[in-house]
Amino acid sequence: MTAKELISNDIMPLLPSDKIGQAMSMMSVYRVRHLPIVKDGILLGTISEEEVSSMDIETSIRDAKITSTFIQVHSNDHVFELLSTMSENNLSIVPVVDSEDSFLGIVSQEDLIKFFAGTFSFKEQGGIIVIETSRQGYSLSEIARVVELENASIIASFITSHHESDVTLITIKISQREIQDIISALERYSYKIRATFTEVEHTDDLKNRYDHLMRYLDV
């Protein structure tokens, strides 16, 4: 999946002639904290909710003292590159440009949530186990082998970590809901279980978990 395939048609960019008040209204309507500024198909930068909140609402964007942020992804970038860019820059949207740097559209957090929620591994019912370990203190192949010895399989996994800590969290989704035997098996191999989830998460909670992922994602 590439950035071009995730572009939303629901969020419009700002024009330099737009007023600060309009930018604030659009951010509220779209439920985002950032919006790109575009003129004649060229990305001029991105403004944030924090920047516009203290400005006169009647001031035009071109006249406002905004430090434009030139953060973008290209249309053929993989979804993981989108995640990385959004995480590293704490963005709620990412502008997408083509090979000639012409503006194509926007990918938002909501777009990414819908994409991941619609993938097979998220739709498939099963249990979730979060393992706490060190950066070098684990083997994915060993974890998979332990799970398979309990007549189950891993259908999804991702790794999150703090940049300033050696602690790493390995989240695995198991192909069955009953995971107590798997938990016991992992503990016998000295893996520390941080958390488990055996029920399908509510949609409202998905946004909170995504925000947590954005803070700690290391791809």
N, C-alpha and C. Protein backbone atom coordinates (compact mmCIF):
# COMPACT_ATOMS: atom_id res chain seq x y z
N MET A 1 0.85 -1.20 0.00
CA MET A 1 0.00 0.00 0.00
C MET A 1 0.88 1.25 0.00
N THR A 2 0.61 2.17 -0.91
CA THR A 2 1.41 3.38 -1.04
C THR A 2 0.61 4.62 -0.61
N ALA A 3 1.32 5.73 -0.46
CA ALA A 3 0.69 6.97 -0.02
C ALA A 3 -0.42 7.40 -0.97
N LYS A 4 -0.20 7.26 -2.27
CA LYS A 4 -1.19 7.70 -3.25
C LYS A 4 -2.53 6.99 -3.06
N GLU A 5 -2.49 5.72 -2.66
CA GLU A 5 -3.70 4.94 -2.49
C GLU A 5 -4.47 5.31 -1.22
N LEU A 6 -3.85 6.06 -0.32
CA LEU A 6 -4.47 6.41 0.95
C LEU A 6 -4.94 7.87 1.00
N ILE A 7 -4.74 8.59 -0.10
CA ILE A 7 -5.11 10.02 -0.11
C ILE A 7 -6.61 10.19 0.14
N SER A 8 -6.94 11.13 1.04
CA SER A 8 -8.33 11.43 1.36
C SER A 8 -8.86 12.55 0.47
N ASN A 9 -10.09 12.41 0.05
CA ASN A 9 -10.74 13.47 -0.72
C ASN A 9 -11.60 14.36 0.17
N ASP A 10 -11.59 14.08 1.47
CA ASP A 10 -12.47 14.81 2.40
C ASP A 10 -11.82 16.05 2.99
N ILE A 11 -10.49 16.12 2.97
CA ILE A 11 -9.78 17.25 3.58
C ILE A 11 -9.16 18.12 2.50
N MET A 12 -9.51 19.39 2.51
CA MET A 12 -8.99 20.33 1.52
C MET A 12 -7.83 21.12 2.10
N PRO A 13 -6.84 21.49 1.28
CA PRO A 13 -5.74 22.31 1.76
C PRO A 13 -6.15 23.78 1.89
N LEU A 14 -5.31 24.55 2.55
CA LEU A 14 -5.52 25.99 2.67
C LEU A 14 -4.87 26.72 1.50
N LEU A 15 -5.39 27.90 1.20
CA LEU A 15 -4.78 28.80 0.22
C LEU A 15 -4.12 29.95 0.97
N PRO A 16 -3.09 30.57 0.39
CA PRO A 16 -2.46 31.72 1.06
C PRO A 16 -3.44 32.85 1.34
N SER A 17 -4.48 32.97 0.54
CA SER A 17 -5.47 34.03 0.72
C SER A 17 -6.49 33.74 1.82
N ASP A 18 -6.53 32.49 2.30
CA ASP A 18 -7.47 32.14 3.36
C ASP A 18 -7.11 32.86 4.66
N LYS A 19 -8.11 33.10 5.49
CA LYS A 19 -7.89 33.78 6.78
C LYS A 19 -7.57 32.76 7.86
N ILE A 20 -6.94 33.25 8.91
CA ILE A 20 -6.60 32.41 10.04
C ILE A 20 -7.85 31.79 10.66
N GLY A 21 -8.92 32.58 10.72
CA GLY A 21 -10.17 32.05 11.26
C GLY A 21 -10.70 30.88 10.45
N GLN A 22 -10.53 30.94 9.14
CA GLN A 22 -10.96 29.84 8.27
C GLN A 22 -10.12 28.61 8.52
N ALA A 23 -8.81 28.81 8.72
CA ALA A 23 -7.92 27.68 9.01
C ALA A 23 -8.33 26.99 10.30
N MET A 24 -8.66 27.79 11.33
CA MET A 24 -9.08 27.22 12.61
C MET A 24 -10.39 26.44 12.46
N SER A 25 -11.31 26.99 11.68
CA SER A 25 -12.60 26.31 11.46
C SER A 25 -12.41 24.99 10.72
N MET A 26 -11.55 25.01 9.70
CA MET A 26 -11.31 23.79 8.92
C MET A 26 -10.66 22.71 9.78
N MET A 27 -9.73 23.11 10.64
CA MET A 27 -9.08 22.13 11.53
C MET A 27 -10.11 21.52 12.47
N SER A 28 -11.04 22.34 12.94
CA SER A 28 -12.08 21.84 13.84
C SER A 28 -13.01 20.89 13.12
N VAL A 29 -13.43 21.25 11.91
CA VAL A 29 -14.35 20.42 11.13
C VAL A 29 -13.69 19.09 10.76
N TYR A 30 -12.44 19.15 10.31
CA TYR A 30 -11.74 17.95 9.87
C TYR A 30 -11.15 17.15 11.02
N ARG A 31 -11.14 17.76 12.21
CA ARG A 31 -10.58 17.12 13.41
C ARG A 31 -9.10 16.77 13.21
N VAL A 32 -8.34 17.76 12.75
CA VAL A 32 -6.90 17.62 12.57
C VAL A 32 -6.21 18.81 13.24
N ARG A 33 -4.92 18.66 13.48
CA ARG A 33 -4.14 19.72 14.11
C ARG A 33 -3.22 20.43 13.13
N HIS A 34 -3.24 19.99 11.88
CA HIS A 34 -2.38 20.57 10.86
C HIS A 34 -3.13 20.62 9.53
N LEU A 35 -2.73 21.59 8.69
CA LEU A 35 -3.25 21.66 7.33
C LEU A 35 -2.15 22.18 6.40
N PRO A 36 -2.08 21.65 5.19
CA PRO A 36 -1.08 22.16 4.23
C PRO A 36 -1.56 23.44 3.57
N ILE A 37 -0.61 24.25 3.15
CA ILE A 37 -0.90 25.47 2.38
C ILE A 37 -0.45 25.20 0.95
N VAL A 38 -1.37 25.39 0.00
CA VAL A 38 -1.08 25.05 -1.40
C VAL A 38 -1.47 26.22 -2.30
N LYS A 39 -0.63 26.50 -3.28
CA LYS A 39 -0.94 27.51 -4.29
C LYS A 39 -0.56 26.98 -5.66
N ASP A 40 -1.50 27.00 -6.59
CA ASP A 40 -1.27 26.54 -7.96
C ASP A 40 -0.66 25.14 -8.01
N GLY A 41 -1.15 24.28 -7.13
CA GLY A 41 -0.70 22.90 -7.12
C GLY A 41 0.65 22.66 -6.48
N ILE A 42 1.23 23.68 -5.83
CA ILE A 42 2.53 23.55 -5.20
C ILE A 42 2.38 23.66 -3.68
N LEU A 43 2.98 22.73 -2.96
CA LEU A 43 2.93 22.75 -1.51
C LEU A 43 3.86 23.84 -0.98
N LEU A 44 3.29 24.77 -0.21
CA LEU A 44 4.07 25.87 0.35
C LEU A 44 4.51 25.61 1.79
N GLY A 45 3.88 24.67 2.43
CA GLY A 45 4.22 24.36 3.81
C GLY A 45 3.02 23.83 4.56
N THR A 46 3.19 23.61 5.86
CA THR A 46 2.12 23.10 6.71
C THR A 46 2.02 23.97 7.95
N ILE A 47 0.81 24.34 8.33
CA ILE A 47 0.62 25.12 9.55
C ILE A 47 -0.07 24.27 10.60
N SER A 48 0.14 24.63 11.86
CA SER A 48 -0.41 23.85 12.96
C SER A 48 -1.47 24.62 13.73
N GLU A 49 -2.27 23.90 14.46
CA GLU A 49 -3.28 24.49 15.33
C GLU A 49 -2.63 25.39 16.37
N GLU A 50 -1.49 24.97 16.87
CA GLU A 50 -0.77 25.76 17.87
C GLU A 50 -0.36 27.13 17.31
N GLU A 51 0.06 27.16 16.05
CA GLU A 51 0.50 28.42 15.45
C GLU A 51 -0.65 29.40 15.27
N VAL A 52 -1.80 28.91 14.79
CA VAL A 52 -2.89 29.82 14.45
C VAL A 52 -3.75 30.21 15.65
N SER A 53 -3.65 29.47 16.75
CA SER A 53 -4.56 29.70 17.89
C SER A 53 -4.37 31.07 18.54
N SER A 54 -3.18 31.65 18.41
CA SER A 54 -2.92 32.94 19.07
C SER A 54 -2.94 34.11 18.08
N MET A 55 -3.38 33.86 16.84
CA MET A 55 -3.35 34.91 15.82
C MET A 55 -4.73 35.53 15.61
N ASP A 56 -4.74 36.72 15.04
CA ASP A 56 -5.98 37.40 14.69
C ASP A 56 -6.70 36.62 13.59
N ILE A 57 -7.96 36.30 13.82
CA ILE A 57 -8.69 35.44 12.88
C ILE A 57 -8.90 36.11 11.52
N GLU A 58 -8.78 37.45 11.46
CA GLU A 58 -8.98 38.16 10.21
C GLU A 58 -7.70 38.28 9.38
N THR A 59 -6.59 37.85 9.94
CA THR A 59 -5.31 37.91 9.22
C THR A 59 -5.27 36.83 8.16
N SER A 60 -4.80 37.16 6.96
CA SER A 60 -4.66 36.14 5.91
C SER A 60 -3.41 35.32 6.19
N ILE A 61 -3.43 34.11 5.70
CA ILE A 61 -2.31 33.21 5.93
C ILE A 61 -1.02 33.76 5.33
N ARG A 62 -1.13 34.42 4.19
CA ARG A 62 0.07 34.96 3.54
C ARG A 62 0.70 36.08 4.38
N ASP A 63 -0.12 36.76 5.19
CA ASP A 63 0.39 37.87 5.99
C ASP A 63 0.77 37.45 7.40
N ALA A 64 0.41 36.25 7.78
CA ALA A 64 0.71 35.78 9.13
C ALA A 64 2.18 35.35 9.23
N LYS A 65 2.72 35.53 10.41
CA LYS A 65 4.11 35.12 10.64
C LYS A 65 4.13 33.65 11.03
N ILE A 66 4.13 32.81 10.02
CA ILE A 66 4.09 31.36 10.22
C ILE A 66 5.39 30.76 9.74
N THR A 67 5.95 29.91 10.60
CA THR A 67 7.15 29.17 10.21
C THR A 67 6.69 27.90 9.49
N SER A 68 6.65 27.97 8.18
CA SER A 68 6.13 26.84 7.40
C SER A 68 7.02 25.61 7.55
N THR A 69 6.38 24.47 7.72
CA THR A 69 7.09 23.20 7.86
C THR A 69 6.95 22.42 6.56
N PHE A 70 8.07 22.14 5.91
CA PHE A 70 8.03 21.44 4.63
C PHE A 70 8.24 19.94 4.85
N ILE A 71 7.20 19.31 5.34
CA ILE A 71 7.22 17.86 5.55
C ILE A 71 6.22 17.24 4.59
N GLN A 72 6.67 16.23 3.87
CA GLN A 72 5.83 15.61 2.86
C GLN A 72 6.29 14.19 2.61
N VAL A 73 5.45 13.41 1.95
CA VAL A 73 5.84 12.10 1.46
C VAL A 73 5.53 12.06 -0.02
N HIS A 74 6.17 11.15 -0.72
CA HIS A 74 5.92 11.02 -2.15
C HIS A 74 4.87 9.94 -2.42
N SER A 75 4.24 10.05 -3.54
CA SER A 75 3.09 9.20 -3.85
C SER A 75 3.41 7.70 -3.80
N ASN A 76 4.65 7.33 -4.11
CA ASN A 76 5.01 5.91 -4.13
C ASN A 76 5.62 5.43 -2.82
N ASP A 77 5.68 6.29 -1.79
CA ASP A 77 6.20 5.86 -0.49
C ASP A 77 5.26 4.85 0.14
N HIS A 78 5.85 3.87 0.82
CA HIS A 78 5.07 2.82 1.47
C HIS A 78 4.36 3.38 2.70
N VAL A 79 3.29 2.69 3.13
CA VAL A 79 2.53 3.11 4.29
C VAL A 79 3.40 3.19 5.54
N PHE A 80 4.44 2.36 5.63
CA PHE A 80 5.33 2.44 6.79
C PHE A 80 6.11 3.74 6.81
N GLU A 81 6.43 4.27 5.62
CA GLU A 81 7.11 5.56 5.55
C GLU A 81 6.16 6.67 6.03
N LEU A 82 4.89 6.53 5.71
CA LEU A 82 3.88 7.47 6.21
C LEU A 82 3.83 7.45 7.73
N LEU A 83 3.79 6.25 8.29
CA LEU A 83 3.75 6.11 9.74
C LEU A 83 4.97 6.75 10.39
N SER A 84 6.13 6.48 9.82
CA SER A 84 7.37 7.01 10.37
C SER A 84 7.38 8.53 10.32
N THR A 85 6.99 9.11 9.18
CA THR A 85 6.97 10.56 9.02
C THR A 85 5.99 11.21 9.98
N MET A 86 4.81 10.62 10.10
CA MET A 86 3.80 11.17 10.99
C MET A 86 4.24 11.08 12.45
N SER A 87 4.88 9.97 12.81
CA SER A 87 5.33 9.77 14.18
C SER A 87 6.47 10.70 14.53
N GLU A 88 7.48 10.77 13.69
CA GLU A 88 8.67 11.57 13.98
C GLU A 88 8.36 13.06 14.09
N ASN A 89 7.34 13.52 13.37
CA ASN A 89 7.02 14.94 13.34
C ASN A 89 5.74 15.29 14.09
N ASN A 90 5.15 14.27 14.74
CA ASN A 90 3.93 14.47 15.55
C ASN A 90 2.84 15.18 14.75
N LEU A 91 2.57 14.66 13.55
CA LEU A 91 1.60 15.28 12.65
C LEU A 91 0.27 14.54 12.68
N SER A 92 -0.80 15.28 12.42
CA SER A 92 -2.12 14.65 12.28
C SER A 92 -2.46 14.39 10.82
N ILE A 93 -1.73 15.03 9.91
CA ILE A 93 -1.87 14.79 8.47
C ILE A 93 -0.49 14.85 7.82
N VAL A 94 -0.38 14.24 6.65
CA VAL A 94 0.87 14.32 5.87
C VAL A 94 0.51 14.66 4.43
N PRO A 95 1.07 15.73 3.87
CA PRO A 95 0.83 16.05 2.45
C PRO A 95 1.54 15.04 1.56
N VAL A 96 0.92 14.74 0.42
CA VAL A 96 1.50 13.80 -0.55
C VAL A 96 1.79 14.56 -1.85
N VAL A 97 2.99 14.37 -2.39
CA VAL A 97 3.38 15.02 -3.64
C VAL A 97 3.83 13.95 -4.64
N ASP A 98 3.84 14.33 -5.93
CA ASP A 98 4.29 13.39 -6.95
C ASP A 98 5.78 13.54 -7.20
N SER A 99 6.29 12.89 -8.24
CA SER A 99 7.73 12.90 -8.53
C SER A 99 8.25 14.28 -8.89
N GLU A 100 7.34 15.18 -9.28
CA GLU A 100 7.73 16.55 -9.62
C GLU A 100 7.37 17.53 -8.51
N ASP A 101 7.07 16.97 -7.33
CA ASP A 101 6.73 17.75 -6.13
C ASP A 101 5.44 18.54 -6.26
N SER A 102 4.55 18.11 -7.16
CA SER A 102 3.23 18.73 -7.24
C SER A 102 2.32 18.10 -6.18
N PHE A 103 1.51 18.94 -5.54
CA PHE A 103 0.64 18.48 -4.46
C PHE A 103 -0.46 17.58 -5.00
N LEU A 104 -0.64 16.41 -4.37
CA LEU A 104 -1.66 15.47 -4.79
C LEU A 104 -2.82 15.38 -3.80
N GLY A 105 -2.52 15.54 -2.53
CA GLY A 105 -3.56 15.41 -1.52
C GLY A 105 -2.99 15.17 -0.15
N ILE A 106 -3.85 14.71 0.75
CA ILE A 106 -3.51 14.57 2.17
C ILE A 106 -3.84 13.17 2.66
N VAL A 107 -2.96 12.62 3.51
CA VAL A 107 -3.27 11.40 4.25
C VAL A 107 -3.35 11.78 5.72
N SER A 108 -4.44 11.43 6.36
CA SER A 108 -4.65 11.79 7.76
C SER A 108 -4.51 10.57 8.67
N GLN A 109 -4.47 10.84 9.98
CA GLN A 109 -4.46 9.74 10.95
C GLN A 109 -5.68 8.86 10.75
N GLU A 110 -6.82 9.49 10.49
CA GLU A 110 -8.06 8.74 10.29
C GLU A 110 -7.95 7.79 9.11
N ASP A 111 -7.29 8.24 8.03
CA ASP A 111 -7.09 7.38 6.87
C ASP A 111 -6.26 6.16 7.22
N LEU A 112 -5.20 6.38 8.02
CA LEU A 112 -4.34 5.27 8.42
C LEU A 112 -5.08 4.31 9.34
N ILE A 113 -5.88 4.86 10.25
CA ILE A 113 -6.67 4.01 11.14
C ILE A 113 -7.60 3.10 10.35
N LYS A 114 -8.30 3.69 9.37
CA LYS A 114 -9.22 2.91 8.55
C LYS A 114 -8.49 1.83 7.77
N PHE A 115 -7.30 2.17 7.27
CA PHE A 115 -6.52 1.20 6.51
C PHE A 115 -6.13 0.01 7.37
N PHE A 116 -5.54 0.28 8.54
CA PHE A 116 -5.09 -0.81 9.39
C PHE A 116 -6.25 -1.59 9.99
N ALA A 117 -7.34 -0.88 10.32
CA ALA A 117 -8.51 -1.57 10.86
C ALA A 117 -9.14 -2.49 9.83
N GLY A 118 -8.93 -2.19 8.55
CA GLY A 118 -9.52 -3.00 7.49
C GLY A 118 -8.66 -4.14 7.01
N THR A 119 -7.43 -4.22 7.51
CA THR A 119 -6.56 -5.31 7.07
C THR A 119 -7.00 -6.62 7.71
N PHE A 120 -6.55 -7.71 7.14
CA PHE A 120 -6.96 -9.04 7.61
C PHE A 120 -6.62 -9.25 9.07
N SER A 121 -5.41 -8.88 9.48
CA SER A 121 -4.95 -9.18 10.83
C SER A 121 -5.75 -8.46 11.90
N PHE A 122 -6.29 -7.26 11.57
CA PHE A 122 -7.10 -6.54 12.54
C PHE A 122 -8.52 -7.07 12.55
N LYS A 123 -9.03 -7.48 11.41
CA LYS A 123 -10.40 -7.99 11.34
C LYS A 123 -10.51 -9.37 11.99
N GLU A 124 -9.50 -10.18 11.82
CA GLU A 124 -9.53 -11.55 12.32
C GLU A 124 -9.62 -11.56 13.84
N GLN A 125 -10.50 -12.37 14.38
CA GLN A 125 -10.65 -12.47 15.82
C GLN A 125 -9.48 -13.25 16.42
N GLY A 126 -9.12 -12.86 17.62
CA GLY A 126 -8.01 -13.54 18.29
C GLY A 126 -7.59 -12.78 19.52
N GLY A 127 -6.57 -13.31 20.20
CA GLY A 127 -6.07 -12.67 21.41
C GLY A 127 -4.82 -11.86 21.11
N ILE A 128 -4.55 -10.89 21.98
CA ILE A 128 -3.38 -10.03 21.82
C ILE A 128 -2.52 -10.12 23.07
N ILE A 129 -1.22 -10.26 22.85
CA ILE A 129 -0.25 -10.34 23.95
C ILE A 129 0.81 -9.28 23.73
N VAL A 130 1.11 -8.51 24.77
CA VAL A 130 2.18 -7.51 24.72
C VAL A 130 3.33 -8.01 25.59
N ILE A 131 4.48 -8.19 24.98
CA ILE A 131 5.67 -8.71 25.66
C ILE A 131 6.66 -7.58 25.88
N GLU A 132 7.17 -7.46 27.10
CA GLU A 132 8.19 -6.45 27.40
C GLU A 132 9.56 -7.11 27.44
N THR A 133 10.50 -6.54 26.72
CA THR A 133 11.86 -7.08 26.69
C THR A 133 12.83 -5.96 26.38
N SER A 134 14.10 -6.30 26.21
CA SER A 134 15.09 -5.30 25.82
C SER A 134 15.26 -5.33 24.30
N ARG A 135 15.96 -4.36 23.75
CA ARG A 135 16.13 -4.27 22.29
C ARG A 135 16.78 -5.54 21.73
N GLN A 136 17.75 -6.09 22.45
CA GLN A 136 18.45 -7.27 21.96
C GLN A 136 18.02 -8.55 22.67
N GLY A 137 17.03 -8.43 23.58
CA GLY A 137 16.71 -9.58 24.42
C GLY A 137 15.56 -10.42 23.93
N TYR A 138 15.35 -10.49 22.63
CA TYR A 138 14.24 -11.29 22.14
C TYR A 138 14.56 -11.86 20.77
N SER A 139 13.78 -12.88 20.40
CA SER A 139 13.88 -13.48 19.08
C SER A 139 12.46 -13.72 18.57
N LEU A 140 12.10 -13.04 17.50
CA LEU A 140 10.76 -13.22 16.94
C LEU A 140 10.51 -14.65 16.50
N SER A 141 11.56 -15.28 15.98
CA SER A 141 11.41 -16.66 15.54
C SER A 141 11.16 -17.58 16.73
N GLU A 142 11.80 -17.29 17.87
CA GLU A 142 11.58 -18.12 19.06
C GLU A 142 10.17 -17.90 19.61
N ILE A 143 9.73 -16.64 19.62
CA ILE A 143 8.37 -16.35 20.09
C ILE A 143 7.34 -17.06 19.22
N ALA A 144 7.55 -17.03 17.90
CA ALA A 144 6.64 -17.71 16.98
C ALA A 144 6.64 -19.22 17.22
N ARG A 145 7.82 -19.76 17.51
CA ARG A 145 7.92 -21.21 17.76
C ARG A 145 7.17 -21.59 19.02
N VAL A 146 7.28 -20.78 20.09
CA VAL A 146 6.56 -21.05 21.33
C VAL A 146 5.06 -21.03 21.09
N VAL A 147 4.59 -20.04 20.33
CA VAL A 147 3.17 -19.93 20.02
C VAL A 147 2.69 -21.14 19.22
N GLU A 148 3.48 -21.56 18.24
CA GLU A 148 3.10 -22.69 17.39
C GLU A 148 3.09 -24.01 18.16
N LEU A 149 3.92 -24.12 19.19
CA LEU A 149 3.91 -25.33 20.03
C LEU A 149 2.60 -25.46 20.80
N GLU A 150 1.89 -24.35 20.94
CA GLU A 150 0.59 -24.36 21.61
C GLU A 150 -0.56 -24.42 20.61
N ASN A 151 -0.24 -24.88 19.39
CA ASN A 151 -1.24 -25.07 18.34
C ASN A 151 -1.94 -23.78 17.92
N ALA A 152 -1.16 -22.70 17.88
CA ALA A 152 -1.68 -21.41 17.41
C ALA A 152 -0.64 -20.78 16.50
N SER A 153 -0.95 -19.62 15.97
CA SER A 153 0.00 -18.92 15.11
C SER A 153 -0.13 -17.42 15.31
N ILE A 154 0.93 -16.69 14.96
CA ILE A 154 0.92 -15.23 15.03
C ILE A 154 0.40 -14.69 13.70
N ILE A 155 -0.67 -13.88 13.76
CA ILE A 155 -1.24 -13.34 12.52
C ILE A 155 -0.91 -11.87 12.33
N ALA A 156 -0.32 -11.24 13.35
CA ALA A 156 0.13 -9.85 13.23
C ALA A 156 1.09 -9.55 14.35
N SER A 157 2.01 -8.63 14.10
CA SER A 157 2.95 -8.23 15.14
C SER A 157 3.52 -6.87 14.80
N PHE A 158 3.88 -6.12 15.83
CA PHE A 158 4.66 -4.91 15.62
C PHE A 158 5.45 -4.61 16.89
N ILE A 159 6.49 -3.82 16.73
CA ILE A 159 7.42 -3.54 17.82
C ILE A 159 7.41 -2.04 18.08
N THR A 160 7.30 -1.65 19.35
CA THR A 160 7.36 -0.25 19.74
C THR A 160 8.42 -0.08 20.80
N SER A 161 9.03 1.10 20.85
CA SER A 161 10.08 1.34 21.84
C SER A 161 10.24 2.82 22.09
N HIS A 162 10.76 3.14 23.27
CA HIS A 162 11.14 4.51 23.59
C HIS A 162 12.52 4.76 23.02
N HIS A 163 12.71 5.93 22.40
CA HIS A 163 14.02 6.23 21.84
C HIS A 163 15.08 6.36 22.92
N GLU A 164 14.67 6.75 24.12
CA GLU A 164 15.62 6.99 25.19
C GLU A 164 15.68 5.85 26.19
N SER A 165 15.13 4.70 25.83
CA SER A 165 15.10 3.57 26.75
C SER A 165 15.43 2.28 26.00
N ASP A 166 15.91 1.30 26.74
CA ASP A 166 16.22 0.00 26.15
C ASP A 166 14.98 -0.91 26.12
N VAL A 167 13.91 -0.45 26.75
CA VAL A 167 12.69 -1.26 26.82
C VAL A 167 12.01 -1.32 25.45
N THR A 168 11.65 -2.53 25.05
CA THR A 168 10.95 -2.76 23.79
C THR A 168 9.68 -3.55 24.06
N LEU A 169 8.59 -3.13 23.42
CA LEU A 169 7.32 -3.85 23.55
C LEU A 169 7.01 -4.56 22.23
N ILE A 170 6.78 -5.86 22.33
CA ILE A 170 6.42 -6.67 21.17
C ILE A 170 4.94 -7.02 21.29
N THR A 171 4.14 -6.53 20.38
CA THR A 171 2.71 -6.83 20.39
C THR A 171 2.43 -7.88 19.33
N ILE A 172 1.85 -9.00 19.76
CA ILE A 172 1.52 -10.07 18.81
C ILE A 172 0.03 -10.39 18.90
N LYS A 173 -0.55 -10.64 17.76
CA LYS A 173 -1.94 -11.07 17.72
C LYS A 173 -1.97 -12.56 17.38
N ILE A 174 -2.67 -13.31 18.21
CA ILE A 174 -2.70 -14.77 18.10
C ILE A 174 -3.98 -15.21 17.39
N SER A 175 -3.91 -16.33 16.71
CA SER A 175 -5.03 -16.81 15.90
C SER A 175 -6.16 -17.43 16.70
N GLN A 176 -6.11 -17.36 18.02
CA GLN A 176 -7.19 -17.88 18.83
C GLN A 176 -7.43 -16.98 20.04
N ARG A 177 -8.65 -17.01 20.56
CA ARG A 177 -9.00 -16.14 21.67
C ARG A 177 -8.44 -16.65 22.99
N GLU A 178 -8.43 -17.96 23.18
CA GLU A 178 -7.93 -18.53 24.42
C GLU A 178 -6.40 -18.53 24.39
N ILE A 179 -5.79 -17.66 25.18
CA ILE A 179 -4.33 -17.45 25.09
C ILE A 179 -3.60 -17.74 26.39
N GLN A 180 -4.31 -18.25 27.42
CA GLN A 180 -3.65 -18.47 28.71
C GLN A 180 -2.51 -19.47 28.61
N ASP A 181 -2.70 -20.55 27.84
CA ASP A 181 -1.63 -21.54 27.68
C ASP A 181 -0.42 -20.93 26.99
N ILE A 182 -0.66 -20.04 26.03
CA ILE A 182 0.43 -19.38 25.32
C ILE A 182 1.17 -18.43 26.26
N ILE A 183 0.42 -17.72 27.08
CA ILE A 183 1.03 -16.82 28.06
C ILE A 183 1.94 -17.61 29.00
N SER A 184 1.43 -18.72 29.50
CA SER A 184 2.22 -19.56 30.41
C SER A 184 3.48 -20.08 29.73
N ALA A 185 3.34 -20.48 28.46
CA ALA A 185 4.50 -20.98 27.73
C ALA A 185 5.56 -19.89 27.54
N LEU A 186 5.14 -18.68 27.19
CA LEU A 186 6.08 -17.57 27.03
C LEU A 186 6.77 -17.24 28.34
N GLU A 187 6.03 -17.28 29.43
CA GLU A 187 6.63 -17.01 30.75
C GLU A 187 7.64 -18.07 31.13
N ARG A 188 7.42 -19.30 30.70
CA ARG A 188 8.41 -20.35 30.96
C ARG A 188 9.72 -20.07 30.25
N TYR A 189 9.64 -19.32 29.14
CA TYR A 189 10.84 -18.94 28.41
C TYR A 189 11.37 -17.56 28.86
N SER A 190 10.89 -17.14 30.04
CA SER A 190 11.37 -15.91 30.69
C SER A 190 10.95 -14.63 29.97
N TYR A 191 9.89 -14.69 29.16
CA TYR A 191 9.36 -13.47 28.57
C TYR A 191 8.39 -12.82 29.55
N LYS A 192 8.54 -11.50 29.73
CA LYS A 192 7.67 -10.75 30.63
C LYS A 192 6.44 -10.27 29.87
N ILE A 193 5.26 -10.64 30.36
CA ILE A 193 4.01 -10.26 29.71
C ILE A 193 3.54 -8.93 30.30
N ARG A 194 3.50 -7.90 29.47
CA ARG A 194 3.09 -6.57 29.93
C ARG A 194 1.56 -6.46 29.98
N ALA A 195 0.88 -7.00 28.97
CA ALA A 195 -0.58 -6.88 28.92
C ALA A 195 -1.14 -7.92 27.97
N THR A 196 -2.42 -8.22 28.15
CA THR A 196 -3.13 -9.13 27.25
C THR A 196 -4.52 -8.58 26.97
N PHE A 197 -5.03 -8.90 25.79
CA PHE A 197 -6.37 -8.47 25.38
C PHE A 197 -7.03 -9.64 24.67
N THR A 198 -8.19 -10.02 25.16
CA THR A 198 -8.86 -11.19 24.59
C THR A 198 -10.20 -10.85 23.97
N GLU A 199 -10.57 -9.58 23.96
CA GLU A 199 -11.82 -9.17 23.35
C GLU A 199 -11.54 -8.17 22.25
N VAL A 200 -12.43 -8.08 21.28
CA VAL A 200 -12.30 -7.13 20.20
C VAL A 200 -12.40 -5.72 20.77
N GLU A 201 -11.45 -4.85 20.42
CA GLU A 201 -11.44 -3.49 20.95
C GLU A 201 -12.56 -2.68 20.31
N HIS A 202 -13.13 -1.75 21.07
CA HIS A 202 -14.14 -0.85 20.55
C HIS A 202 -13.50 0.16 19.61
N THR A 203 -14.27 0.64 18.64
CA THR A 203 -13.75 1.60 17.66
C THR A 203 -13.22 2.86 18.32
N ASP A 204 -13.93 3.36 19.35
CA ASP A 204 -13.48 4.58 20.01
C ASP A 204 -12.10 4.41 20.64
N ASP A 205 -11.79 3.19 21.08
CA ASP A 205 -10.50 2.96 21.72
C ASP A 205 -9.37 2.86 20.71
N LEU A 206 -9.71 2.58 19.46
CA LEU A 206 -8.69 2.43 18.43
C LEU A 206 -7.90 3.72 18.24
N LYS A 207 -8.57 4.89 18.29
CA LYS A 207 -7.88 6.17 18.14
C LYS A 207 -6.85 6.36 19.26
N ASN A 208 -7.23 6.01 20.52
CA ASN A 208 -6.30 6.16 21.63
C ASN A 208 -5.08 5.26 21.46
N ARG A 209 -5.30 4.04 20.98
CA ARG A 209 -4.18 3.12 20.79
C ARG A 209 -3.31 3.58 19.62
N TYR A 210 -3.94 4.17 18.61
CA TYR A 210 -3.15 4.70 17.48
C TYR A 210 -2.27 5.85 17.95
N ASP A 211 -2.84 6.76 18.77
CA ASP A 211 -2.05 7.88 19.28
C ASP A 211 -0.88 7.37 20.10
N HIS A 212 -1.10 6.31 20.89
CA HIS A 212 0.00 5.71 21.65
C HIS A 212 1.05 5.15 20.72
N LEU A 213 0.61 4.48 19.67
CA LEU A 213 1.54 3.94 18.69
C LEU A 213 2.36 5.04 18.04
N MET A 214 1.73 6.16 17.70
CA MET A 214 2.43 7.27 17.07
C MET A 214 3.52 7.86 17.96
N ARG A 215 3.29 7.80 19.30
CA ARG A 215 4.30 8.34 20.20
C ARG A 215 5.50 7.43 20.34
N TYR A 216 5.30 6.15 20.18
CA TYR A 216 6.39 5.22 20.46
C TYR A 216 6.84 4.37 19.28
N LEU A 217 6.21 4.57 18.13
CA LEU A 217 6.55 3.76 16.97
C LEU A 217 7.99 3.96 16.55
N ASP A 218 8.68 2.89 16.25
CA ASP A 218 10.07 2.97 15.82
C ASP A 218 10.21 2.07 14.61
N VAL A 219 9.97 2.64 13.40
CA VAL A 219 10.04 1.84 12.17
C VAL A 219 11.18 2.32 11.32
